[in-house]
Each structure stands twice: as structure tokens, then as C-alpha cells.
C-alpha atoms as a PDB file:
ATOM      1  CA  MET A   1      -7.757  -4.603 -12.678  1.00  0.00           C
ATOM      2  CA  GLU A   2      -8.588  -8.046 -11.326  1.00  0.00           C
ATOM      3  CA  TRP A   3      -7.730  -8.392  -7.639  1.00  0.00           C
ATOM      4  CA  LEU A   4      -6.100 -11.706  -6.709  1.00  0.00           C
ATOM      5  CA  GLU A   5      -6.189 -13.150  -3.201  1.00  0.00           C
ATOM      6  CA  PRO A   6      -4.984 -12.236  -0.680  1.00  0.00           C
ATOM      7  CA  TRP A   7      -5.364  -8.705  -2.147  1.00  0.00           C
ATOM      8  CA  TRP A   8      -8.715  -6.913  -2.253  1.00  0.00           C
ATOM      9  CA  HIS A   9      -9.999  -3.538  -3.438  1.00  0.00           C
ATOM     10  CA  VAL A  10     -10.481  -1.290  -0.410  1.00  0.00           C
ATOM     11  CA  ALA A  11     -12.795   1.308  -1.974  1.00  0.00           C
ATOM     12  CA  ALA A  12     -15.118  -1.331  -3.426  1.00  0.00           C
ATOM     13  CA  GLU A  13     -15.258  -3.694  -0.450  1.00  0.00           C
ATOM     14  CA  ARG A  14     -14.595  -1.598   2.674  1.00  0.00           C
ATOM     15  CA  PRO A  15     -14.559   2.109   1.716  1.00  0.00           C
ATOM     16  CA  GLU A  16     -14.780   3.124   5.377  1.00  0.00           C
ATOM     17  CA  LEU A  17     -11.198   1.838   5.829  1.00  0.00           C
ATOM     18  CA  THR A  18      -9.570   4.083   3.225  1.00  0.00           C
ATOM     19  CA  ALA A  19      -9.217   7.069   5.569  1.00  0.00           C
ATOM     20  CA  LEU A  20      -7.875   4.828   8.359  1.00  0.00           C
ATOM     21  CA  TYR A  21      -5.109   3.399   6.146  1.00  0.00           C
ATOM     22  CA  GLU A  22      -4.238   6.813   4.717  1.00  0.00           C
ATOM     23  CA  ARG A  23      -4.090   8.425   8.160  1.00  0.00           C
ATOM     24  CA  GLU A  24      -1.855   5.643   9.537  1.00  0.00           C
ATOM     25  CA  MET A  25       0.513   5.833   6.575  1.00  0.00           C
ATOM     26  CA  ARG A  26       0.878   9.611   6.986  1.00  0.00           C
ATOM     27  CA  ALA A  27       1.532   9.136  10.717  1.00  0.00           C
ATOM     28  CA  GLU A  28       4.248   6.518  10.152  1.00  0.00           C
ATOM     29  CA  VAL A  29       6.361   8.084   7.389  1.00  0.00           C
ATOM     30  CA  GLY A  30       9.136  10.299   8.697  1.00  0.00           C
ATOM     31  CA  ALA A  31      10.778  13.215   6.892  1.00  0.00           C
ATOM     32  CA  ASP A  32      13.431  10.895   5.387  1.00  0.00           C
ATOM     33  CA  HIS A  33      10.895   8.426   3.939  1.00  0.00           C
ATOM     34  CA  PRO A  34      10.334   8.532   0.140  1.00  0.00           C
ATOM     35  CA  LEU A  35       6.569   8.968   0.633  1.00  0.00           C
ATOM     36  CA  TYR A  36       6.853  11.842   3.102  1.00  0.00           C
ATOM     37  CA  GLY A  37       4.527  14.631   1.984  1.00  0.00           C
ATOM     38  CA  VAL A  38       3.199  12.680  -1.013  1.00  0.00           C
ATOM     39  CA  PRO A  39      -0.615  12.641  -1.152  1.00  0.00           C
ATOM     40  CA  VAL A  40      -1.975   9.090  -1.370  1.00  0.00           C
ATOM     41  CA  ALA A  41      -5.195   7.126  -1.701  1.00  0.00           C
ATOM     42  CA  ALA A  42      -5.539   3.635  -0.223  1.00  0.00           C
ATOM     43  CA  ILE A  43      -6.726   1.306  -2.967  1.00  0.00           C
ATOM     44  CA  GLY A  44      -5.799  -2.245  -1.946  1.00  0.00           C
ATOM     45  CA  LYS A  45      -5.134  -4.406   1.098  1.00  0.00           C
ATOM     46  CA  ASP A  46      -3.335  -7.727   1.530  1.00  0.00           C
ATOM     47  CA  ASP A  47      -5.332  -9.871   3.961  1.00  0.00           C
ATOM     48  CA  SER A  48      -2.313 -12.017   4.811  1.00  0.00           C
ATOM     49  CA  CYS A  49      -0.336  -9.159   6.383  1.00  0.00           C
ATOM     50  CA  ASP A  50      -0.349  -5.399   7.051  1.00  0.00           C
ATOM     51  CA  ASP A  51       0.510  -4.402   3.464  1.00  0.00           C
ATOM     52  CA  VAL A  52      -1.636  -1.658   1.934  1.00  0.00           C
ATOM     53  CA  LEU A  53      -1.493  -0.513  -1.692  1.00  0.00           C
ATOM     54  CA  PHE A  54      -1.572   3.258  -2.155  1.00  0.00           C
ATOM     55  CA  GLN A  55      -2.029   5.264  -5.345  1.00  0.00           C
ATOM     56  CA  LEU A  56       0.441   8.166  -5.258  1.00  0.00           C
ATOM     57  CA  LEU A  57      -1.551  11.285  -6.099  1.00  0.00           C
ATOM     58  CA  ASP A  58       1.438  13.184  -7.466  1.00  0.00           C
ATOM     59  CA  GLY A  59       0.517  12.769 -11.136  1.00  0.00           C
ATOM     60  CA  SER A  60       3.123  10.053 -11.714  1.00  0.00           C
ATOM     61  CA  GLY A  61       0.734   7.093 -11.946  1.00  0.00           C
ATOM     62  CA  ARG A  62       2.877   5.271  -9.395  1.00  0.00           C
ATOM     63  CA  VAL A  63       1.596   2.995  -6.656  1.00  0.00           C
ATOM     64  CA  ALA A  64       3.283   1.848  -3.455  1.00  0.00           C
ATOM     65  CA  VAL A  65       2.930  -1.171  -1.208  1.00  0.00           C
ATOM     66  CA  VAL A  66       3.459   0.019   2.364  1.00  0.00           C
ATOM     67  CA  HIS A  67       3.785  -2.384   5.293  1.00  0.00           C
ATOM     68  CA  LEU A  68       2.036  -0.467   8.074  1.00  0.00           C
ATOM     69  CA  THR A  69       3.345  -0.996  11.603  1.00  0.00           C
ATOM     70  CA  TRP A  70       0.338   0.526  13.412  1.00  0.00           C
ATOM     71  CA  THR A  71       2.500   2.511  15.824  1.00  0.00           C
ATOM     72  CA  ARG A  72       0.715   5.802  15.000  1.00  0.00           C
ATOM     73  CA  HIS A  73       3.975   7.760  15.002  1.00  0.00           C
ATOM     74  CA  PRO A  74       6.892   8.350  12.591  1.00  0.00           C
ATOM     75  CA  GLU A  75       9.090   5.291  12.178  1.00  0.00           C
ATOM     76  CA  PRO A  76      12.854   5.348  11.602  1.00  0.00           C
ATOM     77  CA  MET A  77      13.982   4.239   8.158  1.00  0.00           C
ATOM     78  CA  PRO A  78      13.546   1.736   6.630  1.00  0.00           C
ATOM     79  CA  TRP A  79      10.046   1.650   8.170  1.00  0.00           C
ATOM     80  CA  PRO A  80       7.378   1.542   7.126  1.00  0.00           C
ATOM     81  CA  ALA A  81       8.786  -0.848   4.515  1.00  0.00           C
ATOM     82  CA  THR A  82       7.754   0.428   1.088  1.00  0.00           C
ATOM     83  CA  GLU A  83       7.960  -0.842  -2.477  1.00  0.00           C
ATOM     84  CA  ILE A  84       7.107   1.647  -5.236  1.00  0.00           C
ATOM     85  CA  PHE A  85       5.893   0.530  -8.674  1.00  0.00           C
ATOM     86  CA  PRO A  86       5.606   2.676 -11.819  1.00  0.00           C
ATOM     87  CA  ASP A  87       1.933   1.731 -12.287  1.00  0.00           C
ATOM     88  CA  LEU A  88      -0.835  -0.683 -11.278  1.00  0.00           C
ATOM     89  CA  GLU A  89       0.075  -3.141 -14.018  1.00  0.00           C
ATOM     90  CA  SER A  90       3.626  -3.463 -12.671  1.00  0.00           C
ATOM     91  CA  PHE A  91       2.306  -3.987  -9.156  1.00  0.00           C
ATOM     92  CA  ALA A  92      -0.095  -6.682 -10.393  1.00  0.00           C
ATOM     93  CA  GLU A  93       2.603  -8.572 -12.278  1.00  0.00           C
ATOM     94  CA  LEU A  94       5.542  -8.163  -9.898  1.00  0.00           C
ATOM     95  CA  HIS A  95       3.824  -8.247  -6.507  1.00  0.00           C
ATOM     96  CA  MET A  96       0.173  -9.312  -6.525  1.00  0.00           C
ATOM     97  CA  ARG A  97       0.547 -12.340  -8.821  1.00  0.00           C
ATOM     98  CA  PRO A  98       3.467 -13.806  -6.794  1.00  0.00           C
ATOM     99  CA  ASP A  99       1.499 -13.179  -3.576  1.00  0.00           C
ATOM    100  CA  PHE A 100      -1.467 -15.027  -5.106  1.00  0.00           C
ATOM    101  CA  GLU A 101       0.679 -17.983  -6.161  1.00  0.00           C
ATOM    102  CA  GLU A 102       2.300 -18.190  -2.714  1.00  0.00           C
ATOM    103  CA  TYR A 103      -1.087 -17.843  -1.006  1.00  0.00           C
ATOM    104  CA  TRP A 104      -2.406 -20.949  -2.766  1.00  0.00           C
ATOM    105  CA  THR A 105       0.659 -23.207  -2.376  1.00  0.00           C
END
């Protein structure tokens, strides 16, 4: 997949940050959050905000954009704000491309 600004590929550009993003996401999601207990891998980061793209490692192929709050503790719903996509292609078309267009206007 081609990464469009302000998004970038975490594992390729800053692999040392993957564990940090994954740890923070696990710390922030409470028991009532849709990602609670779901194993994830950080794969993308939006440089314009605290959004991180996670691959859900549940066999579904889904990905989720999670807006981390950096509080290091479980947040009440609806935080951390999360948008789940059925696959990377959907994320690219519905989220990354509009972010790119807004970034350059």
C-alpha cells in the first residue's frame, strides 16, 4: 500500500515505536471498548494528530484508526475514539485519501 501524507508506515520508518503505540492502546481501552482484548499491531501513524492505525490480529483482516489520548490508563467510552475498517484498502480510500487531500489544501 502507498502511504499518503500525513500517514506513514511505522514498521518501515520507526519500528522502535510499534511497541509504544501498542502498549498505550492496550492501556487506554476499557472493558467496554470494541478493541478490548483484541491483539493488535501498530502499522501506521498520522503525523498531524495522535491517530495510529492498528492491524487487528484476530484473523478478520480488519484495521482500526485509534486516537490515542496518552493518559496511560483506561478511558471511559467513547475514548479512545476508534474507527474500524474491514481492510487496509477501505482505510486507504475512506480515511487516508481524505486526510491527504485535507493536508494539502
